[in-house]
Amino acid sequence: MSWNRCALRFAANLIFNYAGTPAVKLSGGSASYMVANTPNAAVTFSGGSDLYGAILGKTINDSGGTSLHFDTALTSSSTVSSSYQPLGFRSLPY
């Protein structure tokens, strides 16, 4: 799966809900804005870009130096219309 820049630069405008178990691969070369709800699948990033939004995955692997930036606007219940709502954010060193 490849993604491009969201024209309005707001992560809630591009939401992927995926309940499958096969791995999800996200790649890109410029800043991207999205939410990916993939609780049953391993997520792999490549491309060395900035990603603004939120990622939920069984496991997350950054093989290309992608910088993840949590979009705090996602904590408002009026911005996200999916079955997953962010309850908090924790930054993990890697």
Foldseek 3Di string as FASTA:
>chain_A
DEDDADPVQEAQVAEAADADAEAAEYEDAEEHHYEYHHARYEYEYAHQYEYEDYYHYVHYYYPHNYHYHHDVVQQDPVSHDDPDGDPDDDDDDD
